[in-house]
Protein backbone atom coordinates (compact mmCIF):
# COMPACT_ATOMS: atom_id res chain seq x y z
CA MET A 1 -16.19 -9.45 -0.92
CA SER A 2 -18.13 -6.43 -0.13
CA LYS A 3 -14.74 -4.80 0.15
CA LEU A 4 -13.89 -5.14 -2.53
CA MET A 5 -16.46 -4.11 -4.16
CA ILE A 6 -15.81 -1.07 -2.25
CA ALA A 7 -12.70 -0.61 -3.85
CA LEU A 8 -13.40 -1.33 -7.33
CA LEU A 9 -16.59 1.02 -7.07
CA MET A 10 -13.92 3.51 -6.31
CA THR A 11 -11.93 3.31 -9.17
CA ALA A 12 -15.52 4.06 -10.90
CA GLY A 13 -15.05 7.67 -10.22
CA LEU A 14 -12.26 7.86 -12.87
CA SER A 15 -13.79 8.42 -15.47
CA LEU A 16 -14.89 11.75 -13.69
CA ALA A 17 -10.96 13.08 -13.93
CA GLY A 18 -10.29 15.47 -16.52
CA CYS A 19 -7.20 17.85 -16.92
CA ALA A 20 -9.01 20.98 -14.30
CA ALA A 21 -9.97 17.95 -11.87
CA GLN A 22 -6.40 16.57 -11.67
CA THR A 23 -4.77 19.69 -11.50
CA SER A 24 -6.67 20.12 -7.87
CA ALA A 25 -7.28 16.29 -6.93
CA PRO A 26 -6.24 15.84 -3.14
CA THR A 27 -3.18 13.55 -3.29
CA ALA A 28 -3.13 12.91 0.82
CA ALA A 29 -2.88 8.70 1.19
CA ALA A 30 -5.84 6.70 1.11
CA LYS A 31 -6.68 5.09 4.37
CA PRO A 32 -4.83 0.90 3.79
CA MET A 33 -7.88 -1.02 2.82
CA ALA A 34 -7.56 -4.31 5.13
CA PRO A 35 -5.49 -7.60 3.83
CA ILE A 36 -7.79 -9.71 1.69
CA SER A 37 -7.22 -13.39 1.07
CA LYS A 38 -5.45 -15.16 -2.24
CA ASP A 39 -8.88 -16.24 -3.44
CA ALA A 40 -10.40 -12.57 -3.01
CA TYR A 41 -7.18 -10.82 -4.67
CA ASP A 42 -7.49 -13.54 -7.85
CA ALA A 43 -11.46 -12.97 -8.11
CA ALA A 44 -10.34 -9.30 -7.77
CA VAL A 45 -8.58 -9.48 -10.87
CA LYS A 46 -10.63 -11.42 -12.68
CA ASN A 47 -13.75 -9.29 -11.85
CA ALA A 48 -11.07 -6.52 -13.19
CA GLU A 49 -10.49 -7.95 -16.70
CA ALA A 50 -14.04 -8.82 -17.36
CA GLN A 51 -15.00 -5.05 -15.96
CA ASN A 52 -12.04 -3.87 -18.72
CA LYS A 53 -13.99 -5.74 -22.01
CA VAL A 54 -17.74 -4.26 -20.58
CA ASP A 55 -16.42 -1.27 -20.73
CA LYS A 56 -14.47 -1.49 -23.72
CA ASP A 57 -17.03 -2.94 -25.57
CA ALA A 58 -19.06 0.25 -24.66
CA CYS A 59 -16.77 2.12 -26.14
CA ALA A 60 -17.07 0.78 -29.33
CA SER A 61 -20.76 3.17 -30.03
CA ARG A 62 -18.28 6.39 -29.79
CA SER A 63 -15.15 7.36 -32.74
CA GLY A 64 -12.66 10.27 -33.07
CA ASN A 65 -11.27 11.53 -29.41
CA ALA A 66 -14.15 10.18 -27.86
CA LYS A 67 -13.05 7.09 -28.33
CA ASP A 68 -9.69 7.69 -27.50
CA ILE A 69 -10.97 9.04 -24.12
CA CYS A 70 -13.48 6.58 -23.08
CA LEU A 71 -10.72 3.42 -24.08
CA ALA A 72 -8.02 5.44 -21.71
CA GLU A 73 -10.63 5.59 -18.89
CA ALA A 74 -11.36 1.77 -19.10
CA ASN A 75 -7.49 0.72 -19.37
CA GLY A 76 -6.95 3.01 -16.47
CA LYS A 77 -9.92 1.36 -14.45
CA GLU A 78 -8.55 -1.99 -14.71
CA LYS A 79 -5.37 -1.26 -13.69
CA VAL A 80 -6.03 1.09 -10.52
CA ALA A 81 -8.68 -2.21 -9.78
CA LYS A 82 -5.51 -4.60 -10.39
CA ALA A 83 -3.40 -2.25 -8.10
CA ASN A 84 -5.99 -1.96 -5.63
CA ALA A 85 -5.97 -5.62 -5.06
CA GLU A 86 -2.46 -6.19 -4.87
CA ALA A 87 -2.40 -3.47 -2.30
CA ALA A 88 -5.21 -5.29 -0.37
CA TYR A 89 -3.68 -8.46 -0.51
CA LYS A 90 0.26 -7.76 -0.46
CA ALA A 91 -0.44 -5.45 2.78
CA THR A 92 2.76 -3.05 2.26
CA PRO A 93 3.79 -0.03 2.14
CA LYS A 94 5.43 -0.56 -1.63
CA ALA A 95 1.92 -2.25 -2.75
CA ARG A 96 0.10 1.05 -1.42
CA GLU A 97 2.35 3.33 -2.76
CA ASP A 98 2.24 1.23 -6.40
CA ALA A 99 -1.39 1.35 -6.37
CA ARG A 100 -1.75 5.10 -5.82
CA VAL A 101 0.88 5.95 -8.74
CA ALA A 102 -1.83 3.02 -11.06
CA ARG A 103 -4.38 5.73 -9.80
CA ALA A 104 -2.27 8.81 -10.66
CA GLU A 105 -1.14 7.31 -13.58
CA ALA A 106 -4.65 6.16 -15.05
CA THR A 107 -5.86 9.86 -14.36
CA HIS A 108 -3.11 10.95 -16.23
CA GLY A 109 -3.88 9.34 -19.77
CA VAL A 110 -6.93 10.16 -19.56
CA ALA A 111 -6.19 14.18 -18.86
CA LYS A 112 -4.15 13.85 -21.88
CA GLU A 113 -6.70 12.36 -24.44
CA LYS A 114 -8.60 15.24 -22.77
CA CYS A 115 -6.08 17.62 -23.62
CA ASP A 116 -6.30 16.01 -27.55
CA ASP A 117 -9.81 18.01 -27.65
CA LEU A 118 -8.40 22.19 -27.39
CA SER A 119 -5.08 23.42 -29.64
CA GLY A 120 -2.42 25.59 -29.54
CA ASN A 121 -0.90 26.65 -26.19
CA ALA A 122 -4.16 25.76 -24.31
CA LYS A 123 -3.27 22.22 -25.01
CA ASP A 124 0.06 22.71 -24.08
CA VAL A 125 -1.02 23.68 -21.09
CA CYS A 126 -3.19 21.12 -20.19
CA VAL A 127 -0.31 18.70 -20.81
CA LYS A 128 2.32 20.53 -18.78
CA GLU A 129 -0.70 20.65 -16.06
CA ALA A 130 -1.48 17.00 -15.98
CA ASP A 131 1.90 15.88 -16.11
CA ALA A 132 2.56 18.10 -13.31
CA ALA A 133 -0.29 16.81 -11.51
CA LEU A 134 1.44 12.83 -12.09
CA VAL A 135 4.61 14.24 -10.79
CA LYS A 136 3.39 15.34 -7.78
CA ALA A 137 0.84 12.34 -7.08
CA LYS A 138 4.29 10.32 -7.35
CA ALA A 139 6.17 12.29 -5.16
CA ASP A 140 3.32 12.20 -2.56
CA ALA A 141 2.64 8.33 -2.86
CA LYS A 142 6.87 7.97 -2.05
CA VAL A 143 7.15 10.65 0.58
CA ASP A 144 3.87 8.27 2.30
CA ARG A 145 5.55 5.01 1.47
CA VAL A 146 8.68 6.01 3.05
CA ALA A 147 6.94 7.09 6.21
CA ALA A 148 5.22 4.28 6.31
CA ASP A 149 8.74 2.37 5.97
CA THR A 150 10.48 4.02 8.22
CA GLN A 151 7.22 3.62 11.45
CA GLN A 152 7.56 -0.36 10.49
CA ASP A 153 11.43 0.02 11.05
CA SER A 154 11.40 1.72 13.73
CA SER A 155 8.65 -0.58 15.32
CA ALA A 156 11.19 -3.34 14.64
CA LYS A 157 13.74 -1.87 16.17
CA GLN A 158 11.31 -1.04 19.01
CA ALA A 159 10.47 -4.54 18.88
CA ASP A 160 13.94 -6.00 19.09
CA ALA A 161 15.48 -3.61 22.13
CA ARG A 162 12.04 -4.68 24.10
CA GLN A 163 13.32 -8.39 23.46
CA GLN A 164 16.70 -7.46 24.65
CA ALA A 165 16.14 -5.48 27.20
CA GLU A 166 14.27 -8.73 28.78
CA GLN A 167 16.79 -11.20 28.54
CA ASP A 168 18.75 -8.99 30.00
CA LYS A 169 16.46 -8.62 33.03
CA ARG A 170 16.38 -12.77 33.08
CA ASP A 171 20.45 -13.11 32.87
CA ALA A 172 20.64 -9.82 35.44
CA ASP A 173 18.31 -11.94 37.60
CA TYR A 174 20.13 -15.60 37.14
CA LYS A 175 23.09 -14.28 38.48
CA VAL A 176 20.90 -13.10 41.17
CA ALA A 177 19.41 -16.29 41.98
CA VAL A 178 22.74 -18.24 41.82
CA GLU A 179 24.71 -16.03 43.48
CA LYS A 180 21.81 -16.71 46.36
CA CYS A 181 22.83 -20.48 45.77
CA ASP A 182 26.27 -19.97 47.12
CA ALA A 183 25.71 -19.72 50.36
CA LEU A 184 24.19 -23.64 50.35
CA SER A 185 26.42 -26.45 49.83
CA GLY A 186 26.00 -29.78 48.24
CA SER A 187 22.99 -31.15 46.89
CA ALA A 188 21.42 -27.98 47.83
CA LYS A 189 23.68 -26.10 46.08
CA SER A 190 23.76 -28.11 43.06
CA THR A 191 19.46 -27.97 43.25
CA CYS A 192 19.59 -24.53 43.28
CA VAL A 193 21.60 -23.48 40.81
CA SER A 194 19.46 -26.02 38.52
CA ASP A 195 16.14 -24.35 39.43
CA ALA A 196 18.11 -21.25 38.23
CA LYS A 197 19.21 -22.42 35.29
CA LEU A 198 15.85 -23.94 34.79
CA ARG A 199 13.88 -20.80 36.19
CA TYR A 200 15.91 -17.90 33.67
CA GLY A 201 15.91 -20.41 30.40
CA LYS A 202 19.77 -21.42 31.00
């Protein structure tokens, strides 16, 4: 559960994201979390929902755009926590991509709300920067997922090739063993062939 708490705490930094932070935020892939159990996943989802209620209650005292930003942060934090939990539970490149996209979308939502504090061209630029950061983050997440899928596919093909190679070697050794049996006759030959079949799984 400590890994789960770390994952949830990592999402707390979401509230610090703004227009400027979004345009400069690193897009490198996060290190994959260790897989978690179904119980740990269910607990993470419940914790995220409970934390969302607490965070939203804290927004009640605010008004105007400050309240909108607060709610965007609360909702984004919940979505990120749930996506991180799912990524840790499923432990697939696609689930990890989805978690990165959830983080990017949460940051984007907060950034756009913060843009509402601006006006005119400054606001337009802020929104475009937020949109561009989202597009970049999604693109990076997809590239990393495709790379991970390719690596998994390559590993599977290598495993298949190794398995086929071992089978080919056994077949070759079996043929040699049976050929040696030809020097014998009668029951000795039959026993020799039976032993060869047993040894090489024929």
